[in-house]
């Protein structure tokens, strides 16, 4: 089942930020560029964006 994450919840936003940093750090290392915008997101910028964060629940 696909569910939406409530990014306005600070704990959920922190989890998204943590995962985002892990994933984009790998990408940055692969391409040799560390100026990828998601690497510099804060909890506040994540909460202000107009994106929907989804996850799969088994």
N, C-alpha and C. Protein backbone atom coordinates (compact mmCIF):
# COMPACT_ATOMS: atom_id res chain seq x y z
N UNK A 1 0.84 -1.16 0.00
CA UNK A 1 0.00 0.00 0.00
C UNK A 1 0.90 1.25 0.00
N UNK A 2 0.58 2.21 -0.84
CA UNK A 2 1.31 3.47 -0.92
C UNK A 2 0.62 4.48 -0.01
N UNK A 3 1.41 5.13 0.85
CA UNK A 3 0.86 6.15 1.76
C UNK A 3 1.69 7.42 1.65
N UNK A 4 1.05 8.54 1.98
CA UNK A 4 1.74 9.82 1.98
C UNK A 4 2.31 10.10 3.37
N UNK A 5 3.51 10.66 3.39
CA UNK A 5 4.16 11.03 4.65
C UNK A 5 3.77 12.47 4.98
N UNK A 6 3.41 12.70 6.22
CA UNK A 6 3.06 14.04 6.68
C UNK A 6 4.34 14.80 7.01
N UNK A 7 4.86 15.52 6.02
CA UNK A 7 6.14 16.21 6.17
C UNK A 7 6.04 17.40 7.14
N UNK A 8 4.83 17.82 7.47
CA UNK A 8 4.68 18.91 8.45
C UNK A 8 5.03 18.42 9.86
N UNK A 9 5.00 17.11 10.06
CA UNK A 9 5.42 16.50 11.32
C UNK A 9 6.95 16.51 11.35
N UNK A 10 7.54 17.20 12.31
CA UNK A 10 9.00 17.36 12.36
C UNK A 10 9.74 16.03 12.40
N UNK A 11 9.23 15.06 13.11
CA UNK A 11 9.91 13.75 13.18
C UNK A 11 9.92 13.07 11.80
N UNK A 12 8.82 13.18 11.07
CA UNK A 12 8.78 12.61 9.72
C UNK A 12 9.72 13.36 8.79
N UNK A 13 9.75 14.68 8.92
CA UNK A 13 10.64 15.49 8.08
C UNK A 13 12.10 15.14 8.36
N UNK A 14 12.43 14.90 9.62
CA UNK A 14 13.80 14.50 9.97
C UNK A 14 14.17 13.17 9.32
N UNK A 15 13.24 12.23 9.31
CA UNK A 15 13.49 10.93 8.67
C UNK A 15 13.71 11.09 7.18
N UNK A 16 12.89 11.91 6.54
CA UNK A 16 13.04 12.16 5.10
C UNK A 16 14.39 12.82 4.82
N UNK A 17 14.75 13.80 5.62
CA UNK A 17 16.03 14.48 5.43
C UNK A 17 17.19 13.50 5.57
N UNK A 18 17.13 12.64 6.56
CA UNK A 18 18.20 11.66 6.78
C UNK A 18 18.35 10.74 5.57
N UNK A 19 17.25 10.20 5.09
CA UNK A 19 17.29 9.31 3.92
C UNK A 19 17.79 10.08 2.69
N UNK A 20 17.29 11.29 2.52
CA UNK A 20 17.68 12.11 1.37
C UNK A 20 19.18 12.37 1.36
N UNK A 21 19.74 12.68 2.52
CA UNK A 21 21.19 12.94 2.58
C UNK A 21 21.98 11.67 2.26
N UNK A 22 21.55 10.53 2.78
CA UNK A 22 22.24 9.27 2.47
C UNK A 22 22.24 8.99 0.97
N UNK A 23 21.09 9.11 0.35
CA UNK A 23 20.94 8.78 -1.07
C UNK A 23 21.72 9.76 -1.95
N UNK A 24 21.55 11.05 -1.69
CA UNK A 24 22.21 12.03 -2.55
C UNK A 24 23.71 12.12 -2.31
N UNK A 25 24.19 11.68 -1.15
CA UNK A 25 25.63 11.62 -0.93
C UNK A 25 26.24 10.56 -1.84
N UNK A 26 25.59 9.44 -1.98
CA UNK A 26 26.07 8.40 -2.90
C UNK A 26 26.10 8.93 -4.32
N UNK A 27 25.01 9.60 -4.73
CA UNK A 27 24.97 10.16 -6.08
C UNK A 27 26.10 11.19 -6.27
N UNK A 28 26.29 12.05 -5.29
CA UNK A 28 27.33 13.07 -5.38
C UNK A 28 28.71 12.43 -5.54
N UNK A 29 28.96 11.36 -4.79
CA UNK A 29 30.24 10.67 -4.90
C UNK A 29 30.42 10.06 -6.27
N UNK A 30 29.35 9.50 -6.83
CA UNK A 30 29.43 8.86 -8.15
C UNK A 30 29.73 9.87 -9.25
N UNK A 31 29.13 11.04 -9.16
CA UNK A 31 29.32 12.02 -10.24
C UNK A 31 30.37 13.07 -9.90
N UNK A 32 30.87 13.04 -8.67
CA UNK A 32 31.91 13.98 -8.28
C UNK A 32 31.43 15.41 -8.12
N UNK A 33 30.18 15.58 -7.76
CA UNK A 33 29.62 16.93 -7.57
C UNK A 33 28.80 16.94 -6.29
N UNK A 34 29.16 17.83 -5.38
CA UNK A 34 28.49 17.87 -4.09
C UNK A 34 27.56 19.09 -3.94
N UNK A 35 27.28 19.73 -5.07
CA UNK A 35 26.39 20.89 -5.03
C UNK A 35 24.96 20.52 -5.40
N UNK A 36 24.61 19.26 -5.23
CA UNK A 36 23.25 18.79 -5.51
C UNK A 36 22.32 19.44 -4.47
N UNK A 37 21.32 20.19 -4.91
CA UNK A 37 20.46 20.92 -3.96
C UNK A 37 19.87 20.08 -2.82
N UNK A 38 19.40 18.86 -3.05
CA UNK A 38 18.83 18.11 -1.93
C UNK A 38 19.81 17.81 -0.80
N UNK A 39 21.10 17.87 -1.08
CA UNK A 39 22.10 17.67 -0.02
C UNK A 39 22.10 18.82 0.97
N UNK A 40 21.54 19.94 0.58
CA UNK A 40 21.60 21.14 1.41
C UNK A 40 20.23 21.52 1.98
N UNK A 41 19.24 20.66 1.79
CA UNK A 41 17.91 20.92 2.35
C UNK A 41 17.95 20.89 3.87
N UNK A 42 17.12 21.70 4.47
CA UNK A 42 16.93 21.68 5.92
C UNK A 42 15.53 21.14 6.18
N UNK A 43 15.21 20.90 7.43
CA UNK A 43 13.85 20.48 7.78
C UNK A 43 12.85 21.52 7.27
N UNK A 44 13.19 22.78 7.46
CA UNK A 44 12.30 23.86 7.06
C UNK A 44 12.08 23.90 5.54
N UNK A 45 13.17 23.73 4.77
CA UNK A 45 12.99 23.77 3.31
C UNK A 45 12.20 22.56 2.83
N UNK A 46 12.38 21.43 3.47
CA UNK A 46 11.58 20.25 3.11
C UNK A 46 10.11 20.49 3.39
N UNK A 47 9.82 21.11 4.52
CA UNK A 47 8.43 21.33 4.90
C UNK A 47 7.77 22.40 4.03
N UNK A 48 8.55 23.29 3.46
CA UNK A 48 7.99 24.37 2.62
C UNK A 48 7.83 23.96 1.16
N UNK A 49 8.46 22.88 0.74
CA UNK A 49 8.38 22.49 -0.68
C UNK A 49 6.99 21.95 -1.00
N UNK A 50 6.66 21.96 -2.27
CA UNK A 50 5.34 21.50 -2.72
C UNK A 50 5.35 20.05 -3.19
N UNK A 51 6.31 19.28 -2.74
CA UNK A 51 6.41 17.89 -3.16
C UNK A 51 5.65 16.99 -2.19
N UNK A 52 5.21 15.85 -2.71
CA UNK A 52 4.57 14.84 -1.86
C UNK A 52 5.58 13.73 -1.63
N UNK A 53 5.72 13.33 -0.39
CA UNK A 53 6.60 12.22 -0.05
C UNK A 53 5.75 10.99 0.22
N UNK A 54 6.08 9.91 -0.47
CA UNK A 54 5.30 8.69 -0.38
C UNK A 54 6.19 7.55 0.09
N UNK A 55 5.56 6.54 0.68
CA UNK A 55 6.29 5.34 1.05
C UNK A 55 5.40 4.13 0.81
N UNK A 56 6.04 2.99 0.71
CA UNK A 56 5.33 1.74 0.49
C UNK A 56 5.30 0.98 1.80
N UNK A 57 4.10 0.62 2.22
CA UNK A 57 3.94 -0.16 3.45
C UNK A 57 3.49 -1.56 3.08
N UNK A 58 4.24 -2.54 3.53
CA UNK A 58 3.87 -3.94 3.24
C UNK A 58 2.94 -4.47 4.28
